[in-house]
């Protein structure tokens, strides 16, 4: 078998030859492997250590002698699958690094509850943020995250403006959230019920959520010009939305609704 196939998996050419020799010899000594491969014994020792660390060789001690045998070739497939999984996990960050060097927006898709909660944790690190929110869905799917955000806003004095859907249930949840979040949190009600997902703006990041029980993900876009443009659109929506006082939801401590953030 050509050792080049193993080399393509990231295994050094000499290490690949040693693995193939051990595979064909069964249990073999260093001397036998060196003879089979034509590689000098000191070099064989060096690559045997590497193959042992990779889990491709195993050491067998018989009396005072040491022998080595190759592990099942199927471990190569398992190793390749593991490398592919690690690469797929790292791919969004690698793409973001490339985007930085080319001046393109850094776009990452984070999936599932873990991905969405990561953004919720990130947003409360900001000094301020804006949001269009579907409070009913968020409360249903992420009750603990919603409470944590409200508490962090209060604790850190984060300046927040949020636009919610015009529904009785959304306003009920808004009342509870407002009482926890405190004076730096302000909310207005949109004209209509069509806010299906969360959208958040903080710093130079725009985060757009897809909130469905069986389809959860968030698209995180990091780009100053896109964030600035979305902030202009948010400000227009904010001016058109109705203040909380219209719906008899009193801000804590008599704080008046006002423009900001």
Protein backbone atom coordinates (compact mmCIF):
# COMPACT_ATOMS: atom_id res chain seq x y z
CA UNK A 1 0.00 0.00 0.00
CA UNK A 2 1.26 3.51 -0.87
CA UNK A 3 2.12 5.53 2.25
CA UNK A 4 1.05 8.67 0.36
CA UNK A 5 -2.59 7.86 1.26
CA UNK A 6 -1.73 8.08 4.96
CA UNK A 7 0.38 11.15 4.37
CA UNK A 8 -2.71 12.86 2.93
CA UNK A 9 -4.34 12.36 6.35
CA UNK A 10 -1.62 14.45 7.98
CA UNK A 11 0.68 11.58 8.91
CA UNK A 12 4.35 12.11 8.19
CA UNK A 13 5.65 9.97 5.29
CA UNK A 14 8.14 8.05 7.45
CA UNK A 15 5.57 7.60 10.21
CA UNK A 16 3.16 6.24 7.59
CA UNK A 17 5.76 3.71 6.37
CA UNK A 18 6.40 2.59 9.97
CA UNK A 19 2.66 2.16 10.60
CA UNK A 20 2.24 0.08 7.43
CA UNK A 21 5.26 -2.05 8.33
CA UNK A 22 3.87 -2.72 11.81
CA UNK A 23 0.49 -3.52 10.26
CA UNK A 24 2.02 -6.16 7.99
CA UNK A 25 4.41 -7.59 10.59
CA UNK A 26 1.94 -7.97 13.43
CA UNK A 27 3.90 -7.49 16.67
CA UNK A 28 7.39 -6.33 15.74
CA UNK A 29 10.51 -4.98 17.37
CA UNK A 30 12.14 -1.70 16.41
CA UNK A 31 14.87 -3.65 14.63
CA UNK A 32 12.31 -5.57 12.56
CA UNK A 33 10.45 -2.35 11.65
CA UNK A 34 13.72 -0.64 10.71
CA UNK A 35 14.66 -3.56 8.48
CA UNK A 36 11.22 -3.66 6.86
CA UNK A 37 11.11 0.08 6.12
CA UNK A 38 14.80 0.79 5.49
CA UNK A 39 14.62 3.63 8.02
CA UNK A 40 17.42 3.99 10.58
CA UNK A 41 16.60 2.73 14.08
CA UNK A 42 17.00 6.12 15.89
CA UNK A 43 14.52 7.61 13.42
CA UNK A 44 12.14 4.68 13.89
CA UNK A 45 12.17 5.32 17.66
CA UNK A 46 11.32 8.97 17.03
CA UNK A 47 8.30 8.23 14.85
CA UNK A 48 7.13 5.34 17.01
CA UNK A 49 6.68 7.86 19.84
CA UNK A 50 4.59 10.03 17.53
CA UNK A 51 2.45 7.06 16.42
CA UNK A 52 1.93 5.98 20.03
CA UNK A 53 0.66 9.47 20.91
CA UNK A 54 -1.69 9.40 17.92
CA UNK A 55 -3.05 6.03 19.02
CA UNK A 56 -1.92 4.31 15.80
CA UNK A 57 0.59 2.02 17.52
CA UNK A 58 0.44 0.09 20.77
CA UNK A 59 3.40 -1.12 22.82
CA UNK A 60 3.58 -4.71 24.07
CA UNK A 61 6.18 -5.72 26.64
CA UNK A 62 7.28 -9.37 26.67
CA UNK A 63 9.85 -9.98 29.36
CA UNK A 64 12.51 -7.33 28.81
CA UNK A 65 11.68 -6.82 25.17
CA UNK A 66 9.35 -4.25 23.65
CA UNK A 67 7.23 -4.91 20.61
CA UNK A 68 4.85 -2.72 18.69
CA UNK A 69 1.74 -3.51 16.73
CA UNK A 70 -0.51 -1.31 14.63
CA UNK A 71 -4.02 -0.55 15.85
CA UNK A 72 -7.05 -1.41 13.74
CA UNK A 73 -7.03 0.63 10.49
CA UNK A 74 -10.62 1.68 11.24
CA UNK A 75 -9.14 4.10 13.79
CA UNK A 76 -7.95 6.12 10.79
CA UNK A 77 -11.57 6.62 9.74
CA UNK A 78 -12.53 7.60 13.29
CA UNK A 79 -9.63 10.04 13.38
CA UNK A 80 -10.64 11.54 10.04
CA UNK A 81 -14.24 11.98 11.20
CA UNK A 82 -13.07 13.65 14.39
CA UNK A 83 -10.87 16.03 12.40
CA UNK A 84 -13.77 16.84 10.09
CA UNK A 85 -16.08 17.53 13.03
CA UNK A 86 -13.49 19.83 14.62
CA UNK A 87 -13.00 21.62 11.32
CA UNK A 88 -16.75 22.13 10.85
CA UNK A 89 -16.97 23.57 14.37
CA UNK A 90 -14.10 25.95 13.71
CA UNK A 91 -15.21 26.90 10.19
CA UNK A 92 -17.36 29.92 11.18
CA UNK A 93 -14.46 31.44 13.13
CA UNK A 94 -12.06 30.74 10.27
CA UNK A 95 -14.47 32.39 7.86
CA UNK A 96 -14.71 35.36 10.21
CA UNK A 97 -10.92 35.69 10.24
CA UNK A 98 -10.90 35.68 6.45
CA UNK A 99 -13.65 38.29 6.41
CA UNK A 100 -11.56 40.53 8.65
CA UNK A 101 -8.64 40.40 6.25
CA UNK A 102 -10.81 41.13 3.21
CA UNK A 103 -12.96 43.85 4.75
CA UNK A 104 -16.12 41.74 4.54
CA UNK A 105 -18.66 41.49 7.38
CA UNK A 106 -18.02 38.72 9.88
CA UNK A 107 -21.05 36.46 9.62
CA UNK A 108 -21.54 33.49 11.96
CA UNK A 109 -24.60 31.25 12.31
CA UNK A 110 -25.05 29.87 15.82
CA UNK A 111 -27.54 27.02 16.10
CA UNK A 112 -29.72 25.63 18.86
CA UNK A 113 -30.32 26.79 22.41
CA UNK A 114 -26.59 26.99 23.13
CA UNK A 115 -25.99 29.35 20.21
CA UNK A 116 -28.88 31.64 21.13
CA UNK A 117 -27.97 31.74 24.80
CA UNK A 118 -24.41 32.65 23.81
CA UNK A 119 -25.74 35.81 22.13
CA UNK A 120 -27.96 36.59 25.12
CA UNK A 121 -24.85 36.36 27.31
CA UNK A 122 -22.89 38.53 24.89
CA UNK A 123 -25.46 41.30 24.63
CA UNK A 124 -25.47 41.99 28.39
CA UNK A 125 -21.74 42.73 28.17
CA UNK A 126 -22.55 45.81 26.06
CA UNK A 127 -23.07 49.29 27.50
CA UNK A 128 -26.31 49.62 25.53
CA UNK A 129 -28.42 47.75 23.00
CA UNK A 130 -31.59 48.03 20.92
CA UNK A 131 -34.00 45.20 20.20
CA UNK A 132 -37.13 44.21 18.31
CA UNK A 133 -38.54 41.35 20.36
CA UNK A 134 -41.11 38.60 20.37
CA UNK A 135 -41.41 38.50 24.15
CA UNK A 136 -43.99 35.71 24.18
CA UNK A 137 -41.76 33.25 22.30
CA UNK A 138 -38.63 34.24 24.23
CA UNK A 139 -40.44 33.82 27.55
CA UNK A 140 -41.70 30.40 26.45
CA UNK A 141 -38.41 29.03 25.11
CA UNK A 142 -35.86 30.86 27.30
CA UNK A 143 -37.51 31.91 30.59
CA UNK A 144 -34.24 31.79 32.53
CA UNK A 145 -32.35 33.75 29.87
CA UNK A 146 -35.05 36.43 29.85
CA UNK A 147 -34.84 36.83 33.63
CA UNK A 148 -31.03 36.91 33.48
CA UNK A 149 -31.07 39.70 30.86
CA UNK A 150 -33.47 41.78 32.98
CA UNK A 151 -31.31 41.33 36.08
CA UNK A 152 -28.09 42.20 34.21
CA UNK A 153 -29.69 45.37 32.79
CA UNK A 154 -30.57 46.44 36.33
CA UNK A 155 -27.23 45.41 37.84
CA UNK A 156 -25.02 47.00 35.16
CA UNK A 157 -27.19 49.96 34.24
CA UNK A 158 -27.31 48.91 30.58
CA UNK A 159 -29.20 51.44 28.44
CA UNK A 160 -31.82 49.52 26.47
CA UNK A 161 -34.58 50.39 24.03
CA UNK A 162 -36.88 47.58 22.98
CA UNK A 163 -39.83 47.43 20.57
CA UNK A 164 -42.41 44.71 21.17
CA UNK A 165 -45.44 43.37 19.31
CA UNK A 166 -48.85 44.87 20.02
CA UNK A 167 -50.43 41.95 21.89
CA UNK A 168 -51.96 41.65 25.35
CA UNK A 169 -49.59 38.82 26.31
CA UNK A 170 -46.49 40.73 25.14
CA UNK A 171 -47.53 43.75 27.21
CA UNK A 172 -48.09 41.55 30.27
CA UNK A 173 -44.58 40.10 29.97
CA UNK A 174 -43.22 43.60 29.31
CA UNK A 175 -44.69 44.82 32.61
CA UNK A 176 -42.87 42.09 34.57
CA UNK A 177 -39.62 42.60 32.66
CA UNK A 178 -39.71 46.38 33.21
CA UNK A 179 -40.13 46.02 36.95
CA UNK A 180 -36.97 43.90 37.16
CA UNK A 181 -34.80 45.76 34.61
CA UNK A 182 -35.26 49.21 36.13
CA UNK A 183 -34.83 52.80 34.98
CA UNK A 184 -32.33 52.29 32.13
CA UNK A 185 -34.72 49.99 30.29
CA UNK A 186 -37.36 51.50 27.98
CA UNK A 187 -39.89 49.80 25.78
CA UNK A 188 -42.35 50.83 23.09
CA UNK A 189 -45.13 48.95 21.35
CA UNK A 190 -45.10 48.48 17.59
CA UNK A 191 -48.14 49.15 15.45
CA UNK A 192 -49.12 45.56 14.76
CA UNK A 193 -48.37 42.01 15.86
CA UNK A 194 -45.79 40.99 13.24
CA UNK A 195 -42.62 40.59 15.30
CA UNK A 196 -41.94 36.88 15.06
CA UNK A 197 -38.31 36.79 16.19
CA UNK A 198 -35.70 38.71 18.16
CA UNK A 199 -33.33 41.19 16.54
CA UNK A 200 -30.62 42.89 18.58
CA UNK A 201 -28.14 45.71 17.92
CA UNK A 202 -25.14 46.23 20.17
CA UNK A 203 -21.85 47.88 19.32
CA UNK A 204 -21.00 46.90 15.75
CA UNK A 205 -23.03 43.68 15.92
CA UNK A 206 -26.44 42.90 14.46
CA UNK A 207 -27.95 39.62 15.72
CA UNK A 208 -31.02 38.22 13.93
CA UNK A 209 -32.81 35.29 15.56
CA UNK A 210 -35.03 32.53 14.23
CA UNK A 211 -37.15 31.46 17.18
CA UNK A 212 -39.12 28.32 16.52
CA UNK A 213 -39.26 25.34 18.85
CA UNK A 214 -37.78 23.03 16.20
CA UNK A 215 -35.70 25.57 14.31
CA UNK A 216 -33.54 27.72 16.57
CA UNK A 217 -30.61 29.73 15.29
CA UNK A 218 -29.16 33.24 15.26
CA UNK A 219 -27.23 35.01 12.52
CA UNK A 220 -24.54 37.21 14.05
CA UNK A 221 -23.24 39.92 11.70
CA UNK A 222 -20.30 42.01 12.86
CA UNK A 223 -19.85 45.08 10.69
CA UNK A 224 -19.99 48.75 11.68
CA UNK A 225 -21.74 50.00 8.53
CA UNK A 226 -24.45 47.34 8.71
CA UNK A 227 -24.99 48.00 12.43
CA UNK A 228 -25.21 51.75 11.79
CA UNK A 229 -27.75 51.25 9.01
CA UNK A 230 -29.89 48.93 11.14
CA UNK A 231 -29.72 51.47 13.98
CA UNK A 232 -31.13 54.16 11.68
CA UNK A 233 -34.03 51.84 10.82
CA UNK A 234 -34.56 51.06 14.49
CA UNK A 235 -34.71 54.77 15.34
CA UNK A 236 -37.40 55.29 12.72
CA UNK A 237 -39.39 52.37 14.13
CA UNK A 238 -38.88 53.68 17.66
CA UNK A 239 -40.33 57.08 16.76
CA UNK A 240 -43.37 55.42 15.16
CA UNK A 241 -43.98 53.04 18.08
CA UNK A 242 -46.29 53.89 20.98
CA UNK A 243 -44.84 54.71 24.43
CA UNK A 244 -45.59 52.35 27.27
CA UNK A 245 -47.70 54.96 29.03
CA UNK A 246 -50.29 54.58 26.26
CA UNK A 247 -50.98 51.11 27.63
CA UNK A 248 -50.88 52.10 31.31
CA UNK A 249 -47.58 50.40 32.03
CA UNK A 250 -45.84 52.68 34.46
CA UNK A 251 -42.02 52.84 34.36
CA UNK A 252 -40.39 52.16 37.76
CA UNK A 253 -39.81 55.08 40.11
CA UNK A 254 -41.73 57.48 37.89
CA UNK A 255 -39.10 57.47 35.11
CA UNK A 256 -40.43 59.16 31.98
CA UNK A 257 -40.20 57.58 28.56
CA UNK A 258 -37.68 59.48 26.42
CA UNK A 259 -35.46 59.13 23.38
CA UNK A 260 -31.94 57.78 23.80
CA UNK A 261 -29.44 55.00 23.33
